[in-house]
Amino acid sequence: MLPISTRGSSRSNSGPRCEWSRGRLLHTVGVNSIAAQPFSTERLDLLPLRVEHAGEMAVVLNDPALHAFIGGEPDTEQALRARYERMTAGSPDPAVTWLNWVLRLREADCLTGTVQATVSTSGDDPSAEIAWVVGTPWQGRGIATEAVRGLVGWLGGQSMAIIAHIHPDHRASAAVATAAGLTPTDEWHDGEIRWRRTVEK
């Protein structure tokens, strides 16, 4: 998904698709219908990611501290634009859909971060892997928790596990995941703990 993740989660013309209504995934019916839709929480508007967001987001994410758990350094506006072009073009895997949003804080009318979900419908255990990042100036205000709760609610109402991968030392992300109803498992992936919220069928 090319994410800036919690480390610190277009379909083809064949196979199943999922149909959305009012932010709810209703049922599997065909292809090419899963798409990020705008929705709102108490303080935030979650807007589908566009390439044009790169300029403002390059400023929001311009803090090396955001990479403490994933390595690397902040993208330039040009690099972020290229990243967003790849992300908005969609997954090359017909069984995987990339959903991405930017977070706009309504009161200040500015972008503050992103959330994303990689929806996989292959196999017997469909899942959505979520990830999030909030710019340093807006941390400590509950924005990540509010956004991730909203995302989990938007993804809810279907038989799909929601997962996230979190560095064991990243207490802030662990707190966000807990608030969104995810719990840590004994599974590890690339040095991170897999957190999971299972929706019963």
C-alpha atoms as a PDB file:
ATOM      1  CA  MET A   1       0.000   0.000   0.000  1.00  0.00           C
ATOM      2  CA  LEU A   2       3.058   2.230   0.200  1.00  0.00           C
ATOM      3  CA  PRO A   3       1.937   3.544   3.578  1.00  0.00           C
ATOM      4  CA  ILE A   4       3.364   5.785   6.196  1.00  0.00           C
ATOM      5  CA  SER A   5       2.090   3.365   8.752  1.00  0.00           C
ATOM      6  CA  THR A   6       1.385   2.945  12.418  1.00  0.00           C
ATOM      7  CA  ARG A   7       5.037   1.964  12.834  1.00  0.00           C
ATOM      8  CA  GLY A   8       6.403   4.878  14.903  1.00  0.00           C
ATOM      9  CA  SER A   9      -2.742  -0.832   7.146  1.00  0.00           C
ATOM     10  CA  SER A  10      -9.031  -1.007  -8.420  1.00  0.00           C
ATOM     11  CA  ARG A  11     -10.244  -4.274  -8.770  1.00  0.00           C
ATOM     12  CA  SER A  12     -10.238  -6.236 -12.049  1.00  0.00           C
ATOM     13  CA  ASN A  13     -13.245  -7.290 -14.078  1.00  0.00           C
ATOM     14  CA  SER A  14     -13.341 -10.750 -12.544  1.00  0.00           C
ATOM     15  CA  GLY A  15     -13.899 -12.010  -9.051  1.00  0.00           C
ATOM     16  CA  PRO A  16     -15.932 -10.573  -6.175  1.00  0.00           C
ATOM     17  CA  ARG A  17     -16.492  -6.980  -5.280  1.00  0.00           C
ATOM     18  CA  CYS A  18     -18.003  -5.283  -2.284  1.00  0.00           C
ATOM     19  CA  GLU A  19     -20.828  -2.772  -2.424  1.00  0.00           C
ATOM     20  CA  TRP A  20     -20.830   0.247  -0.107  1.00  0.00           C
ATOM     21  CA  SER A  21     -23.785   2.282   1.125  1.00  0.00           C
ATOM     22  CA  ARG A  22     -23.587   5.155   3.613  1.00  0.00           C
ATOM     23  CA  GLY A  23     -20.088   4.088   4.570  1.00  0.00           C
ATOM     24  CA  ARG A  24     -21.066   0.465   5.132  1.00  0.00           C
ATOM     25  CA  LEU A  25     -19.850  -2.550   3.213  1.00  0.00           C
ATOM     26  CA  LEU A  26     -23.045  -4.407   2.396  1.00  0.00           C
ATOM     27  CA  HIS A  27     -22.190  -7.604   0.597  1.00  0.00           C
ATOM     28  CA  THR A  28     -20.022  -9.172  -2.059  1.00  0.00           C
ATOM     29  CA  VAL A  29     -21.541  -8.592  -5.495  1.00  0.00           C
ATOM     30  CA  GLY A  30     -18.918  -7.976  -8.198  1.00  0.00           C
ATOM     31  CA  VAL A  31     -15.901  -5.771  -8.999  1.00  0.00           C
ATOM     32  CA  ASN A  32     -14.612  -2.217  -8.932  1.00  0.00           C
ATOM     33  CA  SER A  33     -17.074  -0.846  -6.371  1.00  0.00           C
ATOM     34  CA  ILE A  34     -14.927  -0.469  -3.252  1.00  0.00           C
ATOM     35  CA  ALA A  35     -13.772   3.120  -3.002  1.00  0.00           C
ATOM     36  CA  ALA A  36     -12.850   5.537  -0.261  1.00  0.00           C
ATOM     37  CA  GLN A  37     -15.808   7.793   0.428  1.00  0.00           C
ATOM     38  CA  PRO A  38     -15.745  11.024   2.439  1.00  0.00           C
ATOM     39  CA  PHE A  39     -17.113  10.812   5.964  1.00  0.00           C
ATOM     40  CA  SER A  40     -16.916  12.829   9.146  1.00  0.00           C
ATOM     41  CA  THR A  41     -16.314  12.382  12.848  1.00  0.00           C
ATOM     42  CA  GLU A  42     -16.870  14.875  15.657  1.00  0.00           C
ATOM     43  CA  ARG A  43     -13.966  17.143  14.662  1.00  0.00           C
ATOM     44  CA  LEU A  44     -12.649  15.680  11.434  1.00  0.00           C
ATOM     45  CA  ASP A  45     -13.556  15.335   7.790  1.00  0.00           C
ATOM     46  CA  LEU A  46     -11.949  12.262   6.252  1.00  0.00           C
ATOM     47  CA  LEU A  47     -11.452  13.008   2.567  1.00  0.00           C
ATOM     48  CA  PRO A  48     -10.349  10.516  -0.093  1.00  0.00           C
ATOM     49  CA  LEU A  49      -6.682  11.035  -0.867  1.00  0.00           C
ATOM     50  CA  ARG A  50      -5.833  13.025  -4.000  1.00  0.00           C
ATOM     51  CA  VAL A  51      -2.462  13.733  -5.564  1.00  0.00           C
ATOM     52  CA  GLU A  52      -3.153  17.434  -4.993  1.00  0.00           C
ATOM     53  CA  HIS A  53      -2.951  16.851  -1.232  1.00  0.00           C
ATOM     54  CA  ALA A  54       0.811  16.242  -1.507  1.00  0.00           C
ATOM     55  CA  GLY A  55       1.797  19.901  -1.074  1.00  0.00           C
ATOM     56  CA  GLU A  56      -0.002  20.417   2.230  1.00  0.00           C
ATOM     57  CA  MET A  57       0.770  16.902   3.480  1.00  0.00           C
ATOM     58  CA  ALA A  58       4.498  17.357   2.837  1.00  0.00           C
ATOM     59  CA  VAL A  59       4.386  20.134   5.448  1.00  0.00           C
ATOM     60  CA  VAL A  60       2.216  18.101   7.853  1.00  0.00           C
ATOM     61  CA  LEU A  61       4.597  15.121   7.708  1.00  0.00           C
ATOM     62  CA  ASN A  62       7.865  17.082   7.688  1.00  0.00           C
ATOM     63  CA  ASP A  63       9.199  15.811  11.007  1.00  0.00           C
ATOM     64  CA  PRO A  64      11.878  13.080  11.270  1.00  0.00           C
ATOM     65  CA  ALA A  65      10.330  12.029  14.592  1.00  0.00           C
ATOM     66  CA  LEU A  66       7.424  10.507  12.659  1.00  0.00           C
ATOM     67  CA  HIS A  67       9.913   7.963  11.275  1.00  0.00           C
ATOM     68  CA  ALA A  68      11.313   6.888  14.638  1.00  0.00           C
ATOM     69  CA  PHE A  69       9.735   3.437  14.341  1.00  0.00           C
ATOM     70  CA  ILE A  70       9.865   2.915  10.563  1.00  0.00           C
ATOM     71  CA  GLY A  71      13.181   4.455   9.564  1.00  0.00           C
ATOM     72  CA  GLY A  72      13.770   6.749   6.627  1.00  0.00           C
ATOM     73  CA  GLU A  73      13.050  10.443   6.538  1.00  0.00           C
ATOM     74  CA  PRO A  74      10.181  12.730   5.492  1.00  0.00           C
ATOM     75  CA  ASP A  75       9.330  12.795   1.788  1.00  0.00           C
ATOM     76  CA  THR A  76       9.787  15.948  -0.232  1.00  0.00           C
ATOM     77  CA  GLU A  77       6.662  17.301  -1.870  1.00  0.00           C
ATOM     78  CA  GLN A  78       7.798  15.807  -5.178  1.00  0.00           C
ATOM     79  CA  ALA A  79       8.411  12.370  -3.651  1.00  0.00           C
ATOM     80  CA  LEU A  80       5.106  12.481  -1.788  1.00  0.00           C
ATOM     81  CA  ARG A  81       3.295  13.438  -4.971  1.00  0.00           C
ATOM     82  CA  ALA A  82       4.823  10.416  -6.724  1.00  0.00           C
ATOM     83  CA  ARG A  83       3.814   8.214  -3.779  1.00  0.00           C
ATOM     84  CA  TYR A  84       0.247   9.523  -3.900  1.00  0.00           C
ATOM     85  CA  GLU A  85       0.103   8.939  -7.655  1.00  0.00           C
ATOM     86  CA  ARG A  86       0.933   5.269  -7.073  1.00  0.00           C
ATOM     87  CA  MET A  87      -1.482   4.963  -4.181  1.00  0.00           C
ATOM     88  CA  THR A  88      -4.420   6.557  -6.004  1.00  0.00           C
ATOM     89  CA  ALA A  89      -3.733   4.447  -9.109  1.00  0.00           C
ATOM     90  CA  GLY A  90      -4.778   1.423  -7.067  1.00  0.00           C
ATOM     91  CA  SER A  91      -3.378  -1.976  -6.198  1.00  0.00           C
ATOM     92  CA  PRO A  92      -2.086  -4.179  -9.026  1.00  0.00           C
ATOM     93  CA  ASP A  93      -3.526  -7.179  -7.177  1.00  0.00           C
ATOM     94  CA  PRO A  94      -7.192  -7.708  -8.134  1.00  0.00           C
ATOM     95  CA  ALA A  95      -7.891  -9.201  -4.686  1.00  0.00           C
ATOM     96  CA  VAL A  96      -6.573  -6.126  -2.864  1.00  0.00           C
ATOM     97  CA  THR A  97      -8.006  -2.610  -2.677  1.00  0.00           C
ATOM     98  CA  TRP A  98      -6.175   0.433  -1.317  1.00  0.00           C
ATOM     99  CA  LEU A  99      -8.321   2.974   0.528  1.00  0.00           C
ATOM    100  CA  ASN A 100      -6.705   6.237   1.642  1.00  0.00           C
ATOM    101  CA  TRP A 101      -7.965   9.388   3.338  1.00  0.00           C
ATOM    102  CA  VAL A 102      -6.497  12.661   4.557  1.00  0.00           C
ATOM    103  CA  LEU A 103      -7.695  14.107   7.858  1.00  0.00           C
ATOM    104  CA  ARG A 104      -8.983  17.665   7.801  1.00  0.00           C
ATOM    105  CA  LEU A 105      -9.508  19.309  11.173  1.00  0.00           C
ATOM    106  CA  ARG A 106     -12.645  21.364  10.571  1.00  0.00           C
ATOM    107  CA  GLU A 107     -12.023  23.965  13.267  1.00  0.00           C
ATOM    108  CA  ALA A 108      -8.633  24.941  11.823  1.00  0.00           C
ATOM    109  CA  ASP A 109      -9.475  24.043   8.199  1.00  0.00           C
ATOM    110  CA  CYS A 110      -6.162  22.242   7.740  1.00  0.00           C
ATOM    111  CA  LEU A 111      -4.892  18.744   7.045  1.00  0.00           C
ATOM    112  CA  THR A 112      -3.431  16.922  10.037  1.00  0.00           C
ATOM    113  CA  GLY A 113      -2.634  13.373   8.866  1.00  0.00           C
ATOM    114  CA  THR A 114      -3.847  10.298   7.029  1.00  0.00           C
ATOM    115  CA  VAL A 115      -5.577   6.965   7.575  1.00  0.00           C
ATOM    116  CA  GLN A 116      -5.652   4.039   5.211  1.00  0.00           C
ATOM    117  CA  ALA A 117      -6.996   0.525   4.813  1.00  0.00           C
ATOM    118  CA  THR A 118      -5.733  -2.297   2.615  1.00  0.00           C
ATOM    119  CA  VAL A 119      -8.760  -4.496   1.988  1.00  0.00           C
ATOM    120  CA  SER A 120      -8.028  -8.074   0.971  1.00  0.00           C
ATOM    121  CA  THR A 121     -10.850 -10.345  -0.154  1.00  0.00           C
ATOM    122  CA  SER A 122      -8.732 -13.365  -1.085  1.00  0.00           C
ATOM    123  CA  GLY A 123      -8.912 -16.595   0.882  1.00  0.00           C
ATOM    124  CA  ASP A 124     -11.304 -17.545   3.654  1.00  0.00           C
ATOM    125  CA  ASP A 125     -10.373 -14.677   5.968  1.00  0.00           C
ATOM    126  CA  PRO A 126     -11.109 -11.302   4.337  1.00  0.00           C
ATOM    127  CA  SER A 127      -9.430  -8.468   6.184  1.00  0.00           C
ATOM    128  CA  ALA A 128      -8.670  -4.782   6.239  1.00  0.00           C
ATOM    129  CA  GLU A 129      -5.194  -3.771   7.379  1.00  0.00           C
ATOM    130  CA  ILE A 130      -5.280  -0.234   8.695  1.00  0.00           C
ATOM    131  CA  ALA A 131      -2.568   2.366   9.270  1.00  0.00           C
ATOM    132  CA  TRP A 132      -2.492   5.994  10.370  1.00  0.00           C
ATOM    133  CA  VAL A 133      -0.226   8.958  10.952  1.00  0.00           C
ATOM    134  CA  VAL A 134      -0.875  12.372  12.504  1.00  0.00           C
ATOM    135  CA  GLY A 135       1.517  15.299  12.142  1.00  0.00           C
ATOM    136  CA  THR A 136       3.531  16.245  15.206  1.00  0.00           C
ATOM    137  CA  PRO A 137       1.795  19.613  15.869  1.00  0.00           C
ATOM    138  CA  TRP A 138      -1.572  17.858  16.224  1.00  0.00           C
ATOM    139  CA  GLN A 139      -0.502  14.891  18.341  1.00  0.00           C
ATOM    140  CA  GLY A 140      -1.738  14.536  21.899  1.00  0.00           C
ATOM    141  CA  ARG A 141      -5.190  15.866  21.036  1.00  0.00           C
ATOM    142  CA  GLY A 142      -6.976  12.573  20.383  1.00  0.00           C
ATOM    143  CA  ILE A 143      -7.058  13.127  16.622  1.00  0.00           C
ATOM    144  CA  ALA A 144      -5.560   9.737  15.744  1.00  0.00           C
ATOM    145  CA  THR A 145      -7.951   7.953  18.101  1.00  0.00           C
ATOM    146  CA  GLU A 146     -10.953   9.779  16.668  1.00  0.00           C
ATOM    147  CA  ALA A 147      -9.872   9.126  13.085  1.00  0.00           C
ATOM    148  CA  VAL A 148      -9.123   5.431  13.606  1.00  0.00           C
ATOM    149  CA  ARG A 149     -12.356   4.857  15.488  1.00  0.00           C
ATOM    150  CA  GLY A 150     -14.150   6.499  12.579  1.00  0.00           C
ATOM    151  CA  LEU A 151     -12.307   4.333  10.077  1.00  0.00           C
ATOM    152  CA  VAL A 152     -13.051   1.136  11.984  1.00  0.00           C
ATOM    153  CA  GLY A 153     -16.702   2.176  12.169  1.00  0.00           C
ATOM    154  CA  TRP A 154     -16.719   2.891   8.429  1.00  0.00           C
ATOM    155  CA  LEU A 155     -15.273  -0.565   7.769  1.00  0.00           C
ATOM    156  CA  GLY A 156     -17.620  -2.199  10.267  1.00  0.00           C
ATOM    157  CA  GLY A 157     -20.808  -4.109   9.795  1.00  0.00           C
ATOM    158  CA  GLN A 158     -19.385  -6.977   7.768  1.00  0.00           C
ATOM    159  CA  SER A 159     -17.569 -10.263   8.272  1.00  0.00           C
ATOM    160  CA  MET A 160     -14.058  -8.877   8.026  1.00  0.00           C
ATOM    161  CA  ALA A 161     -11.118  -8.855  10.400  1.00  0.00           C
ATOM    162  CA  ILE A 162      -9.437  -5.481  10.945  1.00  0.00           C
ATOM    163  CA  ILE A 163      -5.717  -5.645  11.649  1.00  0.00           C
ATOM    164  CA  ALA A 164      -2.804  -3.297  12.299  1.00  0.00           C
ATOM    165  CA  HIS A 165       0.924  -3.833  12.776  1.00  0.00           C
ATOM    166  CA  ILE A 166       2.494  -1.814  15.578  1.00  0.00           C
ATOM    167  CA  HIS A 167       6.048  -1.591  16.876  1.00  0.00           C
ATOM    168  CA  PRO A 168       6.172  -3.007  20.406  1.00  0.00           C
ATOM    169  CA  ASP A 169       7.648   0.249  21.740  1.00  0.00           C
ATOM    170  CA  HIS A 170       5.106   2.531  20.066  1.00  0.00           C
ATOM    171  CA  ARG A 171       2.827   3.113  23.037  1.00  0.00           C
ATOM    172  CA  ALA A 172       0.850   5.918  21.411  1.00  0.00           C
ATOM    173  CA  SER A 173      -0.184   3.721  18.461  1.00  0.00           C
ATOM    174  CA  ALA A 174      -0.984   0.853  20.832  1.00  0.00           C
ATOM    175  CA  ALA A 175      -3.300   3.180  22.740  1.00  0.00           C
ATOM    176  CA  VAL A 176      -5.022   4.248  19.521  1.00  0.00           C
ATOM    177  CA  ALA A 177      -5.504   0.613  18.457  1.00  0.00           C
ATOM    178  CA  THR A 178      -6.912  -0.294  21.873  1.00  0.00           C
ATOM    179  CA  ALA A 179      -9.372   2.602  21.738  1.00  0.00           C
ATOM    180  CA  ALA A 180     -10.522   1.401  18.321  1.00  0.00           C
ATOM    181  CA  GLY A 181     -11.267  -2.085  19.636  1.00  0.00           C
ATOM    182  CA  LEU A 182      -8.171  -3.933  18.403  1.00  0.00           C
ATOM    183  CA  THR A 183      -6.214  -6.263  20.661  1.00  0.00           C
ATOM    184  CA  PRO A 184      -2.625  -7.509  20.343  1.00  0.00           C
ATOM    185  CA  THR A 185      -2.035 -11.073  19.171  1.00  0.00           C
ATOM    186  CA  ASP A 186       1.007 -13.305  19.542  1.00  0.00           C
ATOM    187  CA  GLU A 187       1.760 -12.879  15.834  1.00  0.00           C
ATOM    188  CA  TRP A 188       4.691 -10.774  14.604  1.00  0.00           C
ATOM    189  CA  HIS A 189       5.414  -9.242  11.198  1.00  0.00           C
ATOM    190  CA  ASP A 190       8.689  -7.477  10.366  1.00  0.00           C
ATOM    191  CA  GLY A 191       9.396  -6.762  14.003  1.00  0.00           C
ATOM    192  CA  GLU A 192       5.895  -5.511  14.766  1.00  0.00           C
ATOM    193  CA  ILE A 193       3.017  -7.008  16.706  1.00  0.00           C
ATOM    194  CA  ARG A 194      -0.157  -7.811  14.823  1.00  0.00           C
ATOM    195  CA  TRP A 195      -3.243  -6.299  16.410  1.00  0.00           C
ATOM    196  CA  ARG A 196      -6.645  -7.599  15.406  1.00  0.00           C
ATOM    197  CA  ARG A 197     -10.334  -6.877  15.687  1.00  0.00           C
ATOM    198  CA  THR A 198     -12.491  -9.748  14.508  1.00  0.00           C
ATOM    199  CA  VAL A 199     -16.060  -9.165  13.345  1.00  0.00           C
ATOM    200  CA  GLU A 200     -18.196 -12.226  13.824  1.00  0.00           C
ATOM    201  CA  LYS A 201     -19.960 -13.681  10.794  1.00  0.00           C
END
